[in-house]
Amino acid sequence: MKLRVGTRGSELALKQTEWVCQQLRAAHPGLEIEQVIIKTHGDEVTDKNFGRDWPVGAFVKAIEQALLDKRIDFAVHSFKDLQTEETPGLVVAATPPREVVHDVLLTRTAKRLKDLPPGAQIGTNSPRRAAQLLEIGEFHIVPIRGNVPTRVAKIERENLDGVVLAAAGLKRLGLEHPRMIPMPVDTFVPAAGQGALAVQTRTEGPAREIVAVLDDPDTHKAVSAERAVLRRINAGCHTPIGALATIVRKEITLHAKLFTNDYARKAEGVEGGTDPAAVGEDLADRLLAELKEQS
């Protein structure tokens, strides 16, 4: 059998897609996979930072349309790029085992967070990262975009004191940096779905069953709980929120931190249970109520 996989053309997207294809070929000897590179809105519009006018699903919509049009049979996404509401006719058929979830701060000279001076220029285009950085210190946040190597290069090119990136992307690309400070997940909460991949197919057709072999139930359950928080509060890429779930013997522990858009107020909490949707929605309701009480 031959399948066509859709992917963005960035180095990280190609690495992730090739890894998924390798796993599928190992699980299904004789399976042929053709790679189809698709440009998304996020790939074409590189001179504009994320904002409230940034379209939902900017990095996935064109690929999803190719799936719906049957130009491809499955797609590989970074899970955190997917919008929280499933696209009719499509399904995440597999969530492989998750890579590391934490963020890292790559710096020009500092080896520890406390070595960064007040006013240090830190590059990130993520409201979640910006809000949590400003909790730590009096930094100057510099909006930056680009793929992982481009953002790393901007430390020197734009004379930044550091940039914040997902450790998973660096690991998948095999990138090393001499001054890399891991950000602890208990205080610097990652993005929902960070480090996880989403293998998406049409709801009907052979591809769904073929890729399902890659699904890791605990990863799928954890990401579902994290994304339930986003869905409940109608969060987008501009919403400063972090969410991370862990699974121990089927029990979900979900930690989330939500900031107001001006970063002036925050709500933080932990919720437990066994149903991902219920855990995520209950925690979201608590965070929203807490922010409302502070206003």
C-alpha atoms as a PDB file:
ATOM      1  CA  MET A   1       0.000   0.000   0.000  1.00  0.00           C
ATOM      2  CA  LYS A   2       1.091   3.572  -0.661  1.00  0.00           C
ATOM      3  CA  LEU A   3       0.112   6.602   1.439  1.00  0.00           C
ATOM      4  CA  ARG A   4       0.811  10.298   0.981  1.00  0.00           C
ATOM      5  CA  VAL A   5       1.797  12.360   4.018  1.00  0.00           C
ATOM      6  CA  GLY A   6       1.391  16.120   4.189  1.00  0.00           C
ATOM      7  CA  THR A   7       3.857  18.286   6.069  1.00  0.00           C
ATOM      8  CA  ARG A   8       5.194  21.796   6.290  1.00  0.00           C
ATOM      9  CA  GLY A   9       8.606  22.350   4.757  1.00  0.00           C
ATOM     10  CA  SER A  10      10.527  23.573   7.812  1.00  0.00           C
ATOM     11  CA  GLU A  11      13.480  21.520   8.959  1.00  0.00           C
ATOM     12  CA  LEU A  12      11.704  20.605  12.195  1.00  0.00           C
ATOM     13  CA  ALA A  13       8.463  19.626  10.448  1.00  0.00           C
ATOM     14  CA  LEU A  14      10.395  17.418   8.014  1.00  0.00           C
ATOM     15  CA  LYS A  15      12.331  15.752  10.860  1.00  0.00           C
ATOM     16  CA  GLN A  16       9.114  15.038  12.737  1.00  0.00           C
ATOM     17  CA  THR A  17       7.394  13.686   9.643  1.00  0.00           C
ATOM     18  CA  GLU A  18      10.321  11.448   8.726  1.00  0.00           C
ATOM     19  CA  TRP A  19      10.370  10.024  12.263  1.00  0.00           C
ATOM     20  CA  VAL A  20       6.655   9.175  12.018  1.00  0.00           C
ATOM     21  CA  CYS A  21       7.191   7.594   8.595  1.00  0.00           C
ATOM     22  CA  GLN A  22      10.054   5.462   9.916  1.00  0.00           C
ATOM     23  CA  GLN A  23       7.848   4.179  12.729  1.00  0.00           C
ATOM     24  CA  LEU A  24       5.030   3.389  10.324  1.00  0.00           C
ATOM     25  CA  ARG A  25       7.310   1.531   7.914  1.00  0.00           C
ATOM     26  CA  ALA A  26       8.668  -0.516  10.813  1.00  0.00           C
ATOM     27  CA  ALA A  27       5.141  -1.363  11.983  1.00  0.00           C
ATOM     28  CA  HIS A  28       3.844  -2.082   8.461  1.00  0.00           C
ATOM     29  CA  PRO A  29       6.563  -3.739   6.305  1.00  0.00           C
ATOM     30  CA  GLY A  30       6.046  -2.938   2.647  1.00  0.00           C
ATOM     31  CA  LEU A  31       4.204   0.324   3.305  1.00  0.00           C
ATOM     32  CA  GLU A  32       5.230   3.070   0.864  1.00  0.00           C
ATOM     33  CA  ILE A  33       4.933   6.714   1.912  1.00  0.00           C
ATOM     34  CA  GLU A  34       5.205   9.712  -0.385  1.00  0.00           C
ATOM     35  CA  GLN A  35       5.979  13.058   1.234  1.00  0.00           C
ATOM     36  CA  VAL A  36       3.995  16.117   0.096  1.00  0.00           C
ATOM     37  CA  ILE A  37       5.247  19.523   1.301  1.00  0.00           C
ATOM     38  CA  ILE A  38       2.487  22.085   1.788  1.00  0.00           C
ATOM     39  CA  LYS A  39       2.916  25.799   2.470  1.00  0.00           C
ATOM     40  CA  THR A  40       0.647  27.179   5.177  1.00  0.00           C
ATOM     41  CA  HIS A  41      -0.370  30.758   5.951  1.00  0.00           C
ATOM     42  CA  GLY A  42       2.208  30.810   8.751  1.00  0.00           C
ATOM     43  CA  ASP A  43       4.949  29.809   6.315  1.00  0.00           C
ATOM     44  CA  GLU A  44       4.005  32.427   3.734  1.00  0.00           C
ATOM     45  CA  VAL A  45       3.506  35.379   6.105  1.00  0.00           C
ATOM     46  CA  THR A  46       6.882  35.714   7.799  1.00  0.00           C
ATOM     47  CA  ASP A  47       7.005  39.458   8.383  1.00  0.00           C
ATOM     48  CA  LYS A  48       4.099  39.629  10.827  1.00  0.00           C
ATOM     49  CA  ASN A  49       4.076  38.711  14.518  1.00  0.00           C
ATOM     50  CA  PHE A  50       1.259  36.740  16.112  1.00  0.00           C
ATOM     51  CA  GLY A  51      -1.616  38.914  17.269  1.00  0.00           C
ATOM     52  CA  ARG A  52      -5.366  38.933  17.671  1.00  0.00           C
ATOM     53  CA  ASP A  53      -5.785  39.170  13.897  1.00  0.00           C
ATOM     54  CA  TRP A  54      -3.625  36.080  13.343  1.00  0.00           C
ATOM     55  CA  PRO A  55      -5.888  33.439  11.754  1.00  0.00           C
ATOM     56  CA  VAL A  56      -6.828  30.292  13.666  1.00  0.00           C
ATOM     57  CA  GLY A  57      -4.919  27.263  12.424  1.00  0.00           C
ATOM     58  CA  ALA A  58      -2.412  29.353  10.474  1.00  0.00           C
ATOM     59  CA  PHE A  59       0.121  26.498  10.427  1.00  0.00           C
ATOM     60  CA  VAL A  60      -2.322  23.655   9.716  1.00  0.00           C
ATOM     61  CA  LYS A  61      -5.351  24.813   7.674  1.00  0.00           C
ATOM     62  CA  ALA A  62      -3.769  24.328   4.246  1.00  0.00           C
ATOM     63  CA  ILE A  63      -2.657  20.836   5.230  1.00  0.00           C
ATOM     64  CA  GLU A  64      -6.094  19.981   6.600  1.00  0.00           C
ATOM     65  CA  GLN A  65      -7.657  21.143   3.347  1.00  0.00           C
ATOM     66  CA  ALA A  66      -5.326  18.842   1.428  1.00  0.00           C
ATOM     67  CA  LEU A  67      -6.560  15.987   3.632  1.00  0.00           C
ATOM     68  CA  LEU A  68     -10.197  16.864   3.017  1.00  0.00           C
ATOM     69  CA  ASP A  69      -9.521  17.138  -0.731  1.00  0.00           C
ATOM     70  CA  LYS A  70      -7.846  13.691  -0.629  1.00  0.00           C
ATOM     71  CA  ARG A  71      -4.584  15.062  -1.994  1.00  0.00           C
ATOM     72  CA  ILE A  72      -2.866  13.451   1.004  1.00  0.00           C
ATOM     73  CA  ASP A  73      -3.824  10.534   3.275  1.00  0.00           C
ATOM     74  CA  PHE A  74      -2.407  11.695   6.592  1.00  0.00           C
ATOM     75  CA  ALA A  75      -0.573  14.650   8.083  1.00  0.00           C
ATOM     76  CA  VAL A  76       1.966  15.199  10.839  1.00  0.00           C
ATOM     77  CA  HIS A  77       1.610  18.321  12.991  1.00  0.00           C
ATOM     78  CA  SER A  78       3.173  19.722  16.113  1.00  0.00           C
ATOM     79  CA  PHE A  79       0.140  19.205  18.349  1.00  0.00           C
ATOM     80  CA  LYS A  80       0.283  22.710  19.784  1.00  0.00           C
ATOM     81  CA  ASP A  81      -0.280  24.126  16.255  1.00  0.00           C
ATOM     82  CA  LEU A  82      -3.717  22.481  15.969  1.00  0.00           C
ATOM     83  CA  GLN A  83      -6.809  24.524  16.777  1.00  0.00           C
ATOM     84  CA  THR A  84      -8.714  23.200  19.784  1.00  0.00           C
ATOM     85  CA  GLU A  85     -11.893  22.328  17.865  1.00  0.00           C
ATOM     86  CA  GLU A  86     -11.539  19.309  15.589  1.00  0.00           C
ATOM     87  CA  THR A  87     -12.118  19.968  11.900  1.00  0.00           C
ATOM     88  CA  PRO A  88     -15.235  18.097  10.667  1.00  0.00           C
ATOM     89  CA  GLY A  89     -14.218  15.055   8.660  1.00  0.00           C
ATOM     90  CA  LEU A  90     -10.761  14.848  10.261  1.00  0.00           C
ATOM     91  CA  VAL A  91      -9.418  13.155  13.383  1.00  0.00           C
ATOM     92  CA  VAL A  92      -6.151  12.896  15.296  1.00  0.00           C
ATOM     93  CA  ALA A  93      -5.706   9.171  14.760  1.00  0.00           C
ATOM     94  CA  ALA A  94      -2.456   8.877  16.715  1.00  0.00           C
ATOM     95  CA  THR A  95      -0.445  10.778  19.288  1.00  0.00           C
ATOM     96  CA  PRO A  96       2.989   9.117  19.534  1.00  0.00           C
ATOM     97  CA  PRO A  97       4.979   9.086  22.791  1.00  0.00           C
ATOM     98  CA  ARG A  98       5.798  12.631  23.810  1.00  0.00           C
ATOM     99  CA  GLU A  99       9.221  14.257  23.621  1.00  0.00           C
ATOM    100  CA  VAL A 100      10.510  16.432  26.485  1.00  0.00           C
ATOM    101  CA  VAL A 101       7.969  19.120  27.400  1.00  0.00           C
ATOM    102  CA  HIS A 102       9.939  21.958  29.016  1.00  0.00           C
ATOM    103  CA  ASP A 103      11.135  25.259  27.569  1.00  0.00           C
ATOM    104  CA  VAL A 104      14.771  26.329  27.502  1.00  0.00           C
ATOM    105  CA  LEU A 105      16.353  29.767  27.618  1.00  0.00           C
ATOM    106  CA  LEU A 106      19.327  30.044  25.271  1.00  0.00           C
ATOM    107  CA  THR A 107      21.546  32.975  26.239  1.00  0.00           C
ATOM    108  CA  ARG A 108      24.429  34.933  24.781  1.00  0.00           C
ATOM    109  CA  THR A 109      26.519  35.037  27.982  1.00  0.00           C
ATOM    110  CA  ALA A 110      24.484  34.095  31.067  1.00  0.00           C
ATOM    111  CA  LYS A 111      24.718  30.582  32.468  1.00  0.00           C
ATOM    112  CA  ARG A 112      21.978  31.036  35.093  1.00  0.00           C
ATOM    113  CA  LEU A 113      18.748  33.001  35.191  1.00  0.00           C
ATOM    114  CA  LYS A 114      20.029  35.170  38.021  1.00  0.00           C
ATOM    115  CA  ASP A 115      22.986  36.216  35.848  1.00  0.00           C
ATOM    116  CA  LEU A 116      20.645  38.095  33.492  1.00  0.00           C
ATOM    117  CA  PRO A 117      20.560  41.813  34.325  1.00  0.00           C
ATOM    118  CA  PRO A 118      17.345  43.854  34.701  1.00  0.00           C
ATOM    119  CA  GLY A 119      16.234  44.953  31.253  1.00  0.00           C
ATOM    120  CA  ALA A 120      17.835  41.974  29.524  1.00  0.00           C
ATOM    121  CA  GLN A 121      16.406  41.546  26.028  1.00  0.00           C
ATOM    122  CA  ILE A 122      14.702  38.166  25.659  1.00  0.00           C
ATOM    123  CA  GLY A 123      13.268  37.074  22.318  1.00  0.00           C
ATOM    124  CA  THR A 124       9.925  35.310  22.112  1.00  0.00           C
ATOM    125  CA  ASN A 125       6.692  35.721  20.198  1.00  0.00           C
ATOM    126  CA  SER A 126       4.710  33.695  22.745  1.00  0.00           C
ATOM    127  CA  PRO A 127       2.451  35.578  25.190  1.00  0.00           C
ATOM    128  CA  ARG A 128       2.674  32.572  27.523  1.00  0.00           C
ATOM    129  CA  ARG A 129       6.459  32.736  27.606  1.00  0.00           C
ATOM    130  CA  ALA A 130       6.467  36.531  27.874  1.00  0.00           C
ATOM    131  CA  ALA A 131       4.086  36.498  30.849  1.00  0.00           C
ATOM    132  CA  GLN A 132       6.137  33.912  32.731  1.00  0.00           C
ATOM    133  CA  LEU A 133       9.428  35.654  31.944  1.00  0.00           C
ATOM    134  CA  LEU A 134       8.053  38.875  33.421  1.00  0.00           C
ATOM    135  CA  GLU A 135       7.136  36.916  36.566  1.00  0.00           C
ATOM    136  CA  ILE A 136      10.808  36.031  36.925  1.00  0.00           C
ATOM    137  CA  GLY A 137      12.485  39.357  36.242  1.00  0.00           C
ATOM    138  CA  GLU A 138      12.363  42.821  34.721  1.00  0.00           C
ATOM    139  CA  PHE A 139      13.121  41.707  31.196  1.00  0.00           C
ATOM    140  CA  HIS A 140      12.487  43.475  27.904  1.00  0.00           C
ATOM    141  CA  ILE A 141      10.503  41.130  25.652  1.00  0.00           C
ATOM    142  CA  VAL A 142      11.485  41.279  21.963  1.00  0.00           C
ATOM    143  CA  PRO A 143       8.971  39.704  19.525  1.00  0.00           C
ATOM    144  CA  ILE A 144      10.733  37.306  17.148  1.00  0.00           C
ATOM    145  CA  ARG A 145       9.543  34.787  14.568  1.00  0.00           C
ATOM    146  CA  GLY A 146      11.158  32.168  12.383  1.00  0.00           C
ATOM    147  CA  ASN A 147      12.051  28.499  12.488  1.00  0.00           C
ATOM    148  CA  VAL A 148      14.175  27.120  15.312  1.00  0.00           C
ATOM    149  CA  PRO A 149      17.632  27.722  13.742  1.00  0.00           C
ATOM    150  CA  THR A 150      16.588  31.247  12.710  1.00  0.00           C
ATOM    151  CA  ARG A 151      15.498  32.136  16.243  1.00  0.00           C
ATOM    152  CA  VAL A 152      18.698  30.727  17.711  1.00  0.00           C
ATOM    153  CA  ALA A 153      20.736  32.814  15.243  1.00  0.00           C
ATOM    154  CA  LYS A 154      18.876  35.973  16.298  1.00  0.00           C
ATOM    155  CA  ILE A 155      20.661  35.923  19.663  1.00  0.00           C
ATOM    156  CA  GLU A 156      23.768  37.222  17.918  1.00  0.00           C
ATOM    157  CA  ARG A 157      22.159  38.836  14.880  1.00  0.00           C
ATOM    158  CA  GLU A 158      19.808  41.042  16.924  1.00  0.00           C
ATOM    159  CA  ASN A 159      22.070  41.370  19.953  1.00  0.00           C
ATOM    160  CA  LEU A 160      19.600  39.624  22.265  1.00  0.00           C
ATOM    161  CA  ASP A 161      20.487  38.394  25.721  1.00  0.00           C
ATOM    162  CA  GLY A 162      18.527  35.217  25.062  1.00  0.00           C
ATOM    163  CA  VAL A 163      15.621  33.464  23.361  1.00  0.00           C
ATOM    164  CA  VAL A 164      13.123  30.962  24.736  1.00  0.00           C
ATOM    165  CA  LEU A 165      12.404  27.798  22.734  1.00  0.00           C
ATOM    166  CA  ALA A 166      10.822  24.392  23.267  1.00  0.00           C
ATOM    167  CA  ALA A 167      13.435  21.826  24.267  1.00  0.00           C
ATOM    168  CA  ALA A 168      11.650  19.236  22.096  1.00  0.00           C
ATOM    169  CA  GLY A 169      12.389  21.130  18.887  1.00  0.00           C
ATOM    170  CA  LEU A 170      16.062  21.486  19.729  1.00  0.00           C
ATOM    171  CA  LYS A 171      16.308  17.802  20.609  1.00  0.00           C
ATOM    172  CA  ARG A 172      14.578  16.632  17.438  1.00  0.00           C
ATOM    173  CA  LEU A 173      16.914  18.794  15.354  1.00  0.00           C
ATOM    174  CA  GLY A 174      19.980  17.677  17.299  1.00  0.00           C
ATOM    175  CA  LEU A 175      20.897  21.294  18.079  1.00  0.00           C
ATOM    176  CA  GLU A 176      23.267  22.105  20.912  1.00  0.00           C
ATOM    177  CA  HIS A 177      23.986  25.485  22.486  1.00  0.00           C
ATOM    178  CA  PRO A 178      26.747  26.333  24.976  1.00  0.00           C
ATOM    179  CA  ARG A 179      24.453  28.283  27.316  1.00  0.00           C
ATOM    180  CA  MET A 180      21.097  26.567  27.649  1.00  0.00           C
ATOM    181  CA  ILE A 181      19.032  27.051  30.809  1.00  0.00           C
ATOM    182  CA  PRO A 182      16.151  24.550  31.323  1.00  0.00           C
ATOM    183  CA  MET A 183      12.967  26.210  32.561  1.00  0.00           C
ATOM    184  CA  PRO A 184      11.267  24.121  35.302  1.00  0.00           C
ATOM    185  CA  VAL A 185       7.754  23.073  34.336  1.00  0.00           C
ATOM    186  CA  ASP A 186       6.316  23.695  37.792  1.00  0.00           C
ATOM    187  CA  THR A 187       6.989  27.443  37.514  1.00  0.00           C
ATOM    188  CA  PHE A 188       7.358  27.937  33.746  1.00  0.00           C
ATOM    189  CA  VAL A 189       4.364  25.956  32.522  1.00  0.00           C
ATOM    190  CA  PRO A 190       4.666  24.697  28.911  1.00  0.00           C
ATOM    191  CA  ALA A 191       2.143  25.204  26.137  1.00  0.00           C
ATOM    192  CA  ALA A 192      -0.679  22.684  25.894  1.00  0.00           C
ATOM    193  CA  GLY A 193       0.524  19.845  23.679  1.00  0.00           C
ATOM    194  CA  GLN A 194       4.172  20.934  23.758  1.00  0.00           C
ATOM    195  CA  GLY A 195       6.516  18.114  22.745  1.00  0.00           C
ATOM    196  CA  ALA A 196       3.662  16.047  21.286  1.00  0.00           C
ATOM    197  CA  LEU A 197       2.890  15.197  17.666  1.00  0.00           C
ATOM    198  CA  ALA A 198      -0.551  14.822  16.095  1.00  0.00           C
ATOM    199  CA  VAL A 199      -0.961  12.345  13.244  1.00  0.00           C
ATOM    200  CA  GLN A 200      -4.164  13.421  11.523  1.00  0.00           C
ATOM    201  CA  THR A 201      -6.298  11.509   9.011  1.00  0.00           C
ATOM    202  CA  ARG A 202      -9.767  11.607   7.565  1.00  0.00           C
ATOM    203  CA  THR A 203     -12.402  10.031   9.808  1.00  0.00           C
ATOM    204  CA  GLU A 204     -13.033   7.408   7.110  1.00  0.00           C
ATOM    205  CA  GLY A 205     -10.458   5.456   5.149  1.00  0.00           C
ATOM    206  CA  PRO A 206      -7.620   2.958   5.645  1.00  0.00           C
ATOM    207  CA  ALA A 207      -5.037   5.536   6.784  1.00  0.00           C
ATOM    208  CA  ARG A 208      -6.761   5.966  10.146  1.00  0.00           C
ATOM    209  CA  GLU A 209      -6.253   2.341  11.110  1.00  0.00           C
ATOM    210  CA  ILE A 210      -2.744   2.202   9.670  1.00  0.00           C
ATOM    211  CA  VAL A 211      -1.405   5.161  11.699  1.00  0.00           C
ATOM    212  CA  ALA A 212      -3.296   4.205  14.888  1.00  0.00           C
ATOM    213  CA  VAL A 213      -0.472   1.801  15.760  1.00  0.00           C
ATOM    214  CA  LEU A 214       1.636   4.833  16.763  1.00  0.00           C
ATOM    215  CA  ASP A 215      -0.809   6.085  19.381  1.00  0.00           C
ATOM    216  CA  ASP A 216       0.422   6.302  22.975  1.00  0.00           C
ATOM    217  CA  PRO A 217      -2.684   6.304  25.219  1.00  0.00           C
ATOM    218  CA  ASP A 218      -1.103   8.236  28.101  1.00  0.00           C
ATOM    219  CA  THR A 219       0.252  10.964  25.814  1.00  0.00           C
ATOM    220  CA  HIS A 220      -3.089  11.204  24.019  1.00  0.00           C
ATOM    221  CA  LYS A 221      -4.935  11.452  27.334  1.00  0.00           C
ATOM    222  CA  ALA A 222      -2.580  14.090  28.750  1.00  0.00           C
ATOM    223  CA  VAL A 223      -2.749  16.301  25.664  1.00  0.00           C
ATOM    224  CA  SER A 224      -6.549  15.937  25.558  1.00  0.00           C
ATOM    225  CA  ALA A 225      -6.777  17.280  29.115  1.00  0.00           C
ATOM    226  CA  GLU A 226      -4.464  20.196  28.332  1.00  0.00           C
ATOM    227  CA  ARG A 227      -6.400  21.126  25.209  1.00  0.00           C
ATOM    228  CA  ALA A 228      -9.718  20.883  27.077  1.00  0.00           C
ATOM    229  CA  VAL A 229      -8.551  23.856  29.161  1.00  0.00           C
ATOM    230  CA  LEU A 230      -7.879  25.872  25.997  1.00  0.00           C
ATOM    231  CA  ARG A 231     -11.182  24.913  24.443  1.00  0.00           C
ATOM    232  CA  ARG A 232     -13.144  25.881  27.556  1.00  0.00           C
ATOM    233  CA  ILE A 233     -11.658  29.376  27.724  1.00  0.00           C
ATOM    234  CA  ASN A 234     -11.672  29.768  23.922  1.00  0.00           C
ATOM    235  CA  ALA A 235      -7.910  30.293  23.904  1.00  0.00           C
ATOM    236  CA  GLY A 236      -5.929  31.123  20.794  1.00  0.00           C
ATOM    237  CA  CYS A 237      -2.236  31.600  20.034  1.00  0.00           C
ATOM    238  CA  HIS A 238      -2.431  35.076  21.613  1.00  0.00           C
ATOM    239  CA  THR A 239      -3.734  33.750  24.977  1.00  0.00           C
ATOM    240  CA  PRO A 240      -1.094  33.680  27.754  1.00  0.00           C
ATOM    241  CA  ILE A 241      -1.793  30.225  29.158  1.00  0.00           C
ATOM    242  CA  GLY A 242       0.278  27.161  29.981  1.00  0.00           C
ATOM    243  CA  ALA A 243      -1.081  23.679  30.707  1.00  0.00           C
ATOM    244  CA  LEU A 244       0.658  20.393  31.467  1.00  0.00           C
ATOM    245  CA  ALA A 245      -0.892  17.056  32.398  1.00  0.00           C
ATOM    246  CA  THR A 246       0.831  13.977  33.777  1.00  0.00           C
ATOM    247  CA  ILE A 247      -0.636  10.482  33.958  1.00  0.00           C
ATOM    248  CA  VAL A 248       0.080   8.037  36.788  1.00  0.00           C
ATOM    249  CA  ARG A 249      -1.893   4.775  36.815  1.00  0.00           C
ATOM    250  CA  LYS A 250      -4.694   6.321  34.702  1.00  0.00           C
ATOM    251  CA  GLU A 251      -5.025   9.307  37.069  1.00  0.00           C
ATOM    252  CA  ILE A 252      -4.594  12.704  35.424  1.00  0.00           C
ATOM    253  CA  THR A 253      -2.906  15.578  37.248  1.00  0.00           C
ATOM    254  CA  LEU A 254      -3.332  18.811  35.306  1.00  0.00           C
ATOM    255  CA  HIS A 255      -1.484  22.033  36.156  1.00  0.00           C
ATOM    256  CA  ALA A 256      -2.378  25.262  34.358  1.00  0.00           C
ATOM    257  CA  LYS A 257      -1.530  28.949  34.609  1.00  0.00           C
ATOM    258  CA  LEU A 258      -3.615  31.658  32.929  1.00  0.00           C
ATOM    259  CA  PHE A 259      -2.729  35.356  32.662  1.00  0.00           C
ATOM    260  CA  THR A 260      -4.767  38.358  31.624  1.00  0.00           C
ATOM    261  CA  ASN A 261      -3.755  39.763  28.236  1.00  0.00           C
ATOM    262  CA  ASP A 262      -1.778  42.577  29.888  1.00  0.00           C
ATOM    263  CA  TYR A 263       0.009  40.007  32.132  1.00  0.00           C
ATOM    264  CA  ALA A 264      -1.065  42.008  35.203  1.00  0.00           C
ATOM    265  CA  ARG A 265      -3.109  39.234  36.810  1.00  0.00           C
ATOM    266  CA  LYS A 266      -2.889  35.460  36.808  1.00  0.00           C
ATOM    267  CA  ALA A 267      -4.747  32.399  38.014  1.00  0.00           C
ATOM    268  CA  GLU A 268      -3.071  29.068  38.651  1.00  0.00           C
ATOM    269  CA  GLY A 269      -4.327  25.690  39.763  1.00  0.00           C
ATOM    270  CA  VAL A 270      -4.153  21.890  39.697  1.00  0.00           C
ATOM    271  CA  GLU A 271      -6.982  19.467  38.969  1.00  0.00           C
ATOM    272  CA  GLY A 272      -7.123  15.684  39.087  1.00  0.00           C
ATOM    273  CA  GLY A 273      -9.358  12.948  37.731  1.00  0.00           C
ATOM    274  CA  THR A 274      -9.625  10.280  35.057  1.00  0.00           C
ATOM    275  CA  ASP A 275     -11.677  11.994  32.331  1.00  0.00           C
ATOM    276  CA  PRO A 276      -9.510  14.384  30.263  1.00  0.00           C
ATOM    277  CA  ALA A 277     -12.357  16.646  29.177  1.00  0.00           C
ATOM    278  CA  ALA A 278     -13.848  16.945  32.654  1.00  0.00           C
ATOM    279  CA  VAL A 279     -10.478  17.623  34.285  1.00  0.00           C
ATOM    280  CA  GLY A 280      -9.588  20.306  31.746  1.00  0.00           C
ATOM    281  CA  GLU A 281     -12.984  21.993  31.805  1.00  0.00           C
ATOM    282  CA  ASP A 282     -13.200  22.014  35.612  1.00  0.00           C
ATOM    283  CA  LEU A 283      -9.772  23.588  35.924  1.00  0.00           C
ATOM    284  CA  ALA A 284     -10.550  26.162  33.221  1.00  0.00           C
ATOM    285  CA  ASP A 285     -13.725  27.177  35.063  1.00  0.00           C
ATOM    286  CA  ARG A 286     -11.752  27.632  38.293  1.00  0.00           C
ATOM    287  CA  LEU A 287      -9.101  29.759  36.604  1.00  0.00           C
ATOM    288  CA  LEU A 288     -11.682  31.972  34.901  1.00  0.00           C
ATOM    289  CA  ALA A 289     -13.569  32.422  38.178  1.00  0.00           C
ATOM    290  CA  GLU A 290     -10.354  33.325  39.990  1.00  0.00           C
ATOM    291  CA  LEU A 291      -9.444  35.979  37.423  1.00  0.00           C
ATOM    292  CA  LYS A 292     -12.974  37.372  37.612  1.00  0.00           C
ATOM    293  CA  GLU A 293     -12.670  37.705  41.405  1.00  0.00           C
ATOM    294  CA  GLN A 294      -9.434  39.658  40.987  1.00  0.00           C
ATOM    295  CA  SER A 295     -10.964  42.206  38.601  1.00  0.00           C
END
